[in-house]
Amino acid sequence: MEHKEAIKVLMKLLDKKVLDKKEKEAVLTSIGILDWTSRTKNRIKLIKDKKERDLKW
């Protein structure tokens, strides 16, 4: 499952309002981690692409 898809599923779970306070906190932490790792993957890809372009020059 892709990170963005997992975030959407977790956000829907939060909207159902069936979680207690600790469960909500755990879901929000998970969303934050998924978002952070997704951004990190994109950043690493950009750096690799830039290195490849620089080597071609």
PDB file of N, CA and C in Angstrom:
ATOM      1  N   MET A   1       0.853  -1.176   0.000  1.00  0.00           N
ATOM      2  CA  MET A   1       0.000   0.000   0.000  1.00  0.00           C
ATOM      3  C   MET A   1       0.901   1.243   0.000  1.00  0.00           C
ATOM      4  N   GLU A   2       0.568   2.170  -0.834  1.00  0.00           N
ATOM      5  CA  GLU A   2       1.315   3.424  -0.893  1.00  0.00           C
ATOM      6  C   GLU A   2       1.020   4.271   0.346  1.00  0.00           C
ATOM      7  N   HIS A   3       1.972   5.111   0.695  1.00  0.00           N
ATOM      8  CA  HIS A   3       1.817   5.948   1.891  1.00  0.00           C
ATOM      9  C   HIS A   3       0.600   6.860   1.795  1.00  0.00           C
ATOM     10  N   LYS A   4       0.386   7.457   0.633  1.00  0.00           N
ATOM     11  CA  LYS A   4      -0.752   8.372   0.489  1.00  0.00           C
ATOM     12  C   LYS A   4      -2.079   7.640   0.694  1.00  0.00           C
ATOM     13  N   GLU A   5      -2.159   6.420   0.183  1.00  0.00           N
ATOM     14  CA  GLU A   5      -3.374   5.629   0.345  1.00  0.00           C
ATOM     15  C   GLU A   5      -3.584   5.267   1.816  1.00  0.00           C
ATOM     16  N   ALA A   6      -2.502   4.907   2.497  1.00  0.00           N
ATOM     17  CA  ALA A   6      -2.595   4.567   3.920  1.00  0.00           C
ATOM     18  C   ALA A   6      -3.041   5.781   4.734  1.00  0.00           C
ATOM     19  N   ILE A   7      -2.537   6.949   4.384  1.00  0.00           N
ATOM     20  CA  ILE A   7      -2.935   8.176   5.086  1.00  0.00           C
ATOM     21  C   ILE A   7      -4.428   8.421   4.903  1.00  0.00           C
ATOM     22  N   LYS A   8      -4.935   8.222   3.695  1.00  0.00           N
ATOM     23  CA  LYS A   8      -6.364   8.416   3.440  1.00  0.00           C
ATOM     24  C   LYS A   8      -7.211   7.471   4.295  1.00  0.00           C
ATOM     25  N   VAL A   9      -6.786   6.211   4.386  1.00  0.00           N
ATOM     26  CA  VAL A   9      -7.515   5.225   5.188  1.00  0.00           C
ATOM     27  C   VAL A   9      -7.520   5.647   6.658  1.00  0.00           C
ATOM     28  N   LEU A  10      -6.376   6.073   7.156  1.00  0.00           N
ATOM     29  CA  LEU A  10      -6.294   6.494   8.558  1.00  0.00           C
ATOM     30  C   LEU A  10      -7.127   7.750   8.817  1.00  0.00           C
ATOM     31  N   MET A  11      -7.155   8.673   7.858  1.00  0.00           N
ATOM     32  CA  MET A  11      -7.964   9.880   8.026  1.00  0.00           C
ATOM     33  C   MET A  11      -9.454   9.522   8.087  1.00  0.00           C
ATOM     34  N   LYS A  12      -9.889   8.561   7.267  1.00  0.00           N
ATOM     35  CA  LYS A  12     -11.286   8.121   7.320  1.00  0.00           C
ATOM     36  C   LYS A  12     -11.603   7.494   8.672  1.00  0.00           C
ATOM     37  N   LEU A  13     -10.641   6.764   9.217  1.00  0.00           N
ATOM     38  CA  LEU A  13     -10.826   6.154  10.530  1.00  0.00           C
ATOM     39  C   LEU A  13     -11.012   7.232  11.599  1.00  0.00           C
ATOM     40  N   LEU A  14     -10.253   8.314  11.497  1.00  0.00           N
ATOM     41  CA  LEU A  14     -10.402   9.417  12.454  1.00  0.00           C
ATOM     42  C   LEU A  14     -11.785  10.063  12.341  1.00  0.00           C
ATOM     43  N   ASP A  15     -12.310  10.158  11.126  1.00  0.00           N
ATOM     44  CA  ASP A  15     -13.615  10.786  10.909  1.00  0.00           C
ATOM     45  C   ASP A  15     -14.761   9.989  11.528  1.00  0.00           C
ATOM     46  N   LYS A  16     -14.567   8.697  11.725  1.00  0.00           N
ATOM     47  CA  LYS A  16     -15.636   7.859  12.274  1.00  0.00           C
ATOM     48  C   LYS A  16     -15.876   8.104  13.764  1.00  0.00           C
ATOM     49  N   LYS A  17     -14.927   8.718  14.427  1.00  0.00           N
ATOM     50  CA  LYS A  17     -15.059   9.095  15.839  1.00  0.00           C
ATOM     51  C   LYS A  17     -15.341   7.892  16.745  1.00  0.00           C
ATOM     52  N   VAL A  18     -14.703   6.766  16.459  1.00  0.00           N
ATOM     53  CA  VAL A  18     -14.869   5.581  17.297  1.00  0.00           C
ATOM     54  C   VAL A  18     -13.626   5.320  18.148  1.00  0.00           C
ATOM     55  N   LEU A  19     -12.649   6.183  18.038  1.00  0.00           N
ATOM     56  CA  LEU A  19     -11.383   5.974  18.733  1.00  0.00           C
ATOM     57  C   LEU A  19     -11.337   6.765  20.031  1.00  0.00           C
ATOM     58  N   ASP A  20     -10.657   6.212  21.031  1.00  0.00           N
ATOM     59  CA  ASP A  20     -10.453   6.981  22.254  1.00  0.00           C
ATOM     60  C   ASP A  20      -9.238   7.895  22.048  1.00  0.00           C
ATOM     61  N   LYS A  21      -8.898   8.648  23.075  1.00  0.00           N
ATOM     62  CA  LYS A  21      -7.848   9.675  22.948  1.00  0.00           C
ATOM     63  C   LYS A  21      -6.491   9.069  22.562  1.00  0.00           C
ATOM     64  N   LYS A  22      -6.090   7.991  23.204  1.00  0.00           N
ATOM     65  CA  LYS A  22      -4.796   7.362  22.897  1.00  0.00           C
ATOM     66  C   LYS A  22      -4.779   6.781  21.491  1.00  0.00           C
ATOM     67  N   GLU A  23      -5.890   6.200  21.069  1.00  0.00           N
ATOM     68  CA  GLU A  23      -5.965   5.636  19.723  1.00  0.00           C
ATOM     69  C   GLU A  23      -5.863   6.733  18.665  1.00  0.00           C
ATOM     70  N   LYS A  24      -6.537   7.865  18.918  1.00  0.00           N
ATOM     71  CA  LYS A  24      -6.446   8.993  17.995  1.00  0.00           C
ATOM     72  C   LYS A  24      -5.013   9.498  17.904  1.00  0.00           C
ATOM     73  N   GLU A  25      -4.356   9.586  19.042  1.00  0.00           N
ATOM     74  CA  GLU A  25      -2.971  10.046  19.059  1.00  0.00           C
ATOM     75  C   GLU A  25      -2.074   9.093  18.263  1.00  0.00           C
ATOM     76  N   ALA A  26      -2.305   7.797  18.418  1.00  0.00           N
ATOM     77  CA  ALA A  26      -1.515   6.803  17.680  1.00  0.00           C
ATOM     78  C   ALA A  26      -1.754   6.920  16.171  1.00  0.00           C
ATOM     79  N   VAL A  27      -3.007   7.122  15.774  1.00  0.00           N
ATOM     80  CA  VAL A  27      -3.321   7.276  14.357  1.00  0.00           C
ATOM     81  C   VAL A  27      -2.674   8.541  13.806  1.00  0.00           C
ATOM     82  N   LEU A  28      -2.761   9.637  14.536  1.00  0.00           N
ATOM     83  CA  LEU A  28      -2.154  10.887  14.086  1.00  0.00           C
ATOM     84  C   LEU A  28      -0.632  10.765  13.988  1.00  0.00           C
ATOM     85  N   THR A  29      -0.022  10.069  14.921  1.00  0.00           N
ATOM     86  CA  THR A  29       1.424   9.834  14.862  1.00  0.00           C
ATOM     87  C   THR A  29       1.771   9.014  13.624  1.00  0.00           C
ATOM     88  N   SER A  30       0.977   8.006  13.357  1.00  0.00           N
ATOM     89  CA  SER A  30       1.200   7.170  12.172  1.00  0.00           C
ATOM     90  C   SER A  30       1.079   7.979  10.891  1.00  0.00           C
ATOM     91  N   ILE A  31       0.091   8.840  10.832  1.00  0.00           N
ATOM     92  CA  ILE A  31      -0.083   9.696   9.660  1.00  0.00           C
ATOM     93  C   ILE A  31       1.136  10.593   9.484  1.00  0.00           C
ATOM     94  N   GLY A  32       1.606  11.160  10.572  1.00  0.00           N
ATOM     95  CA  GLY A  32       2.786  12.023  10.508  1.00  0.00           C
ATOM     96  C   GLY A  32       4.016  11.283  10.014  1.00  0.00           C
ATOM     97  N   ILE A  33       4.206  10.085  10.501  1.00  0.00           N
ATOM     98  CA  ILE A  33       5.369   9.288  10.081  1.00  0.00           C
ATOM     99  C   ILE A  33       5.250   8.913   8.612  1.00  0.00           C
ATOM    100  N   LEU A  34       4.072   8.491   8.182  1.00  0.00           N
ATOM    101  CA  LEU A  34       3.877   8.145   6.774  1.00  0.00           C
ATOM    102  C   LEU A  34       4.127   9.354   5.869  1.00  0.00           C
ATOM    103  N   ASP A  35       3.634  10.514   6.285  1.00  0.00           N
ATOM    104  CA  ASP A  35       3.841  11.727   5.500  1.00  0.00           C
ATOM    105  C   ASP A  35       5.317  12.075   5.438  1.00  0.00           C
ATOM    106  N   TRP A  36       5.999  11.993   6.569  1.00  0.00           N
ATOM    107  CA  TRP A  36       7.417  12.320   6.633  1.00  0.00           C
ATOM    108  C   TRP A  36       8.246  11.382   5.749  1.00  0.00           C
ATOM    109  N   THR A  37       7.971  10.078   5.823  1.00  0.00           N
ATOM    110  CA  THR A  37       8.737   9.129   5.012  1.00  0.00           C
ATOM    111  C   THR A  37       8.438   9.305   3.529  1.00  0.00           C
ATOM    112  N   SER A  38       7.208   9.648   3.205  1.00  0.00           N
ATOM    113  CA  SER A  38       6.846   9.900   1.812  1.00  0.00           C
ATOM    114  C   SER A  38       7.622  11.096   1.271  1.00  0.00           C
ATOM    115  N   ARG A  39       7.699  12.154   2.059  1.00  0.00           N
ATOM    116  CA  ARG A  39       8.448  13.345   1.648  1.00  0.00           C
ATOM    117  C   ARG A  39       9.936  13.041   1.532  1.00  0.00           C
ATOM    118  N   THR A  40      10.439  12.213   2.436  1.00  0.00           N
ATOM    119  CA  THR A  40      11.850  11.848   2.404  1.00  0.00           C
ATOM    120  C   THR A  40      12.168  11.053   1.140  1.00  0.00           C
ATOM    121  N   LYS A  41      11.304  10.133   0.780  1.00  0.00           N
ATOM    122  CA  LYS A  41      11.509   9.351  -0.444  1.00  0.00           C
ATOM    123  C   LYS A  41      11.553  10.267  -1.664  1.00  0.00           C
ATOM    124  N   ASN A  42      10.638  11.231  -1.703  1.00  0.00           N
ATOM    125  CA  ASN A  42      10.620  12.172  -2.816  1.00  0.00           C
ATOM    126  C   ASN A  42      11.892  13.010  -2.844  1.00  0.00           C
ATOM    127  N   ARG A  43      12.357  13.426  -1.696  1.00  0.00           N
ATOM    128  CA  ARG A  43      13.577  14.241  -1.598  1.00  0.00           C
ATOM    129  C   ARG A  43      14.792  13.443  -2.079  1.00  0.00           C
ATOM    130  N   ILE A  44      14.892  12.188  -1.661  1.00  0.00           N
ATOM    131  CA  ILE A  44      16.005  11.332  -2.087  1.00  0.00           C
ATOM    132  C   ILE A  44      15.979  11.153  -3.604  1.00  0.00           C
ATOM    133  N   LYS A  45      14.775  10.953  -4.164  1.00  0.00           N
ATOM    134  CA  LYS A  45      14.649  10.797  -5.612  1.00  0.00           C
ATOM    135  C   LYS A  45      15.116  12.061  -6.330  1.00  0.00           C
ATOM    136  N   LEU A  46      14.729  13.224  -5.823  1.00  0.00           N
ATOM    137  CA  LEU A  46      15.153  14.482  -6.435  1.00  0.00           C
ATOM    138  C   LEU A  46      16.673  14.645  -6.397  1.00  0.00           C
ATOM    139  N   ILE A  47      17.282  14.271  -5.281  1.00  0.00           N
ATOM    140  CA  ILE A  47      18.736  14.377  -5.147  1.00  0.00           C
ATOM    141  C   ILE A  47      19.435  13.440  -6.126  1.00  0.00           C
ATOM    142  N   LYS A  48      18.936  12.218  -6.245  1.00  0.00           N
ATOM    143  CA  LYS A  48      19.524  11.257  -7.184  1.00  0.00           C
ATOM    144  C   LYS A  48      19.388  11.748  -8.617  1.00  0.00           C
ATOM    145  N   ASP A  49      18.213  12.272  -8.954  1.00  0.00           N
ATOM    146  CA  ASP A  49      17.994  12.789 -10.306  1.00  0.00           C
ATOM    147  C   ASP A  49      18.934  13.953 -10.608  1.00  0.00           C
ATOM    148  N   LYS A  50      19.139  14.818  -9.622  1.00  0.00           N
ATOM    149  CA  LYS A  50      20.034  15.964  -9.809  1.00  0.00           C
ATOM    150  C   LYS A  50      21.467  15.486 -10.021  1.00  0.00           C
ATOM    151  N   LYS A  51      21.892  14.501  -9.254  1.00  0.00           N
ATOM    152  CA  LYS A  51      23.244  13.961  -9.417  1.00  0.00           C
ATOM    153  C   LYS A  51      23.433  13.382 -10.811  1.00  0.00           C
ATOM    154  N   GLU A  52      22.431  12.652 -11.297  1.00  0.00           N
ATOM    155  CA  GLU A  52      22.508  12.064 -12.640  1.00  0.00           C
ATOM    156  C   GLU A  52      22.604  13.161 -13.705  1.00  0.00           C
ATOM    157  N   ARG A  53      21.818  14.227 -13.541  1.00  0.00           N
ATOM    158  CA  ARG A  53      21.874  15.333 -14.499  1.00  0.00           C
ATOM    159  C   ARG A  53      23.238  16.004 -14.468  1.00  0.00           C
ATOM    160  N   ASP A  54      23.774  16.196 -13.266  1.00  0.00           N
ATOM    161  CA  ASP A  54      25.077  16.841 -13.127  1.00  0.00           C
ATOM    162  C   ASP A  54      26.192  15.999 -13.748  1.00  0.00           C
ATOM    163  N   LEU A  55      26.090  14.675 -13.639  1.00  0.00           N
ATOM    164  CA  LEU A  55      27.104  13.802 -14.220  1.00  0.00           C
ATOM    165  C   LEU A  55      27.068  13.821 -15.736  1.00  0.00           C
ATOM    166  N   LYS A  56      25.904  14.065 -16.307  1.00  0.00           N
ATOM    167  CA  LYS A  56      25.772  14.114 -17.766  1.00  0.00           C
ATOM    168  C   LYS A  56      26.413  15.355 -18.358  1.00  0.00           C
ATOM    169  N   TRP A  57      26.521  16.412 -17.589  1.00  0.00           N
ATOM    170  CA  TRP A  57      27.120  17.651 -18.078  1.00  0.00           C
ATOM    171  C   TRP A  57      28.581  17.425 -18.225  1.00  0.00           C
TER     172      TRP A  57
END
